[in-house]
Amino acid sequence: MNSHHDNVKGVIFDLDGTLVSSELDFTLIKAQLGCPEEHDLLSHIAALPSPYMREEAMNIVHQHELIDAQHASLLPGVAKTVGYLKELGMPMAIVTRNYDRAAALKLKNNPLPIQTVLTRSDAPPKPDPSALNAIATLWQLEQTQLLYVGDYLYDIQAAQNANMRSCLYAPGKVPDYAEQADYVLHHFSELALLIDELTEQHVALHN
């Protein structure tokens, strides 16, 4: 668990399954690429023996991602909550394992007031913390002052690796790894309450 003494001064979001819907069938994609179900897809592709094989595999993934991007829609509570954080003047960014064209298409079709978007085309994919650290540097904030919101284990691990607080969005069945997160949201609108609570706690501690 990270230090909770700093107030939250910026929020970073995952994209798929957090801000927008995603119907990517990873079981199907892994089967097409001969990737064992329990293995990470991107790591499997990176380990393929030749550049040609890696390129072919990524092309298949890109096709799936672009098709998925055409059908993505904002998840419940996202527009209102992001709008509230913008009113607060809270810096916001997106870090996704998507590739740039798919992420751009999703955000073009589902506009949000978030300018900074880092994809796996920009930095190593989560749980590598590089993208999260880059945003902390961009904003000139300490990592402990940032909150990363996502819906999967890699999101929690990336936050921990970057020494940020992790917030798991779990609208359905709560996964076993939820206990590793600092906070758990069951509905996206709860994020506004969490931010209010964290900033109020900070004010109370210093009064």
Foldseek 3Di string as FASTA:
>chain_A
DFDLLAAAQAEEEEPDPTFKDFDQDVVVLCVVLVHPPVDDPLVVLVPDDDPVSSVVSVVSVLVSLQVRLVPMETDPPNQVLLVVCVVVVRQYEYEYQDDDVSVVSNCVVYPGPHDHYHYCVHDPHFPAQVVVVVVCVVVVHQQQNYEYEEADPRSLSNSVNSSYAYEHEDLDDDDPCNVSHPYYHNGSNCVNVVSVVSVVVNVVVVD
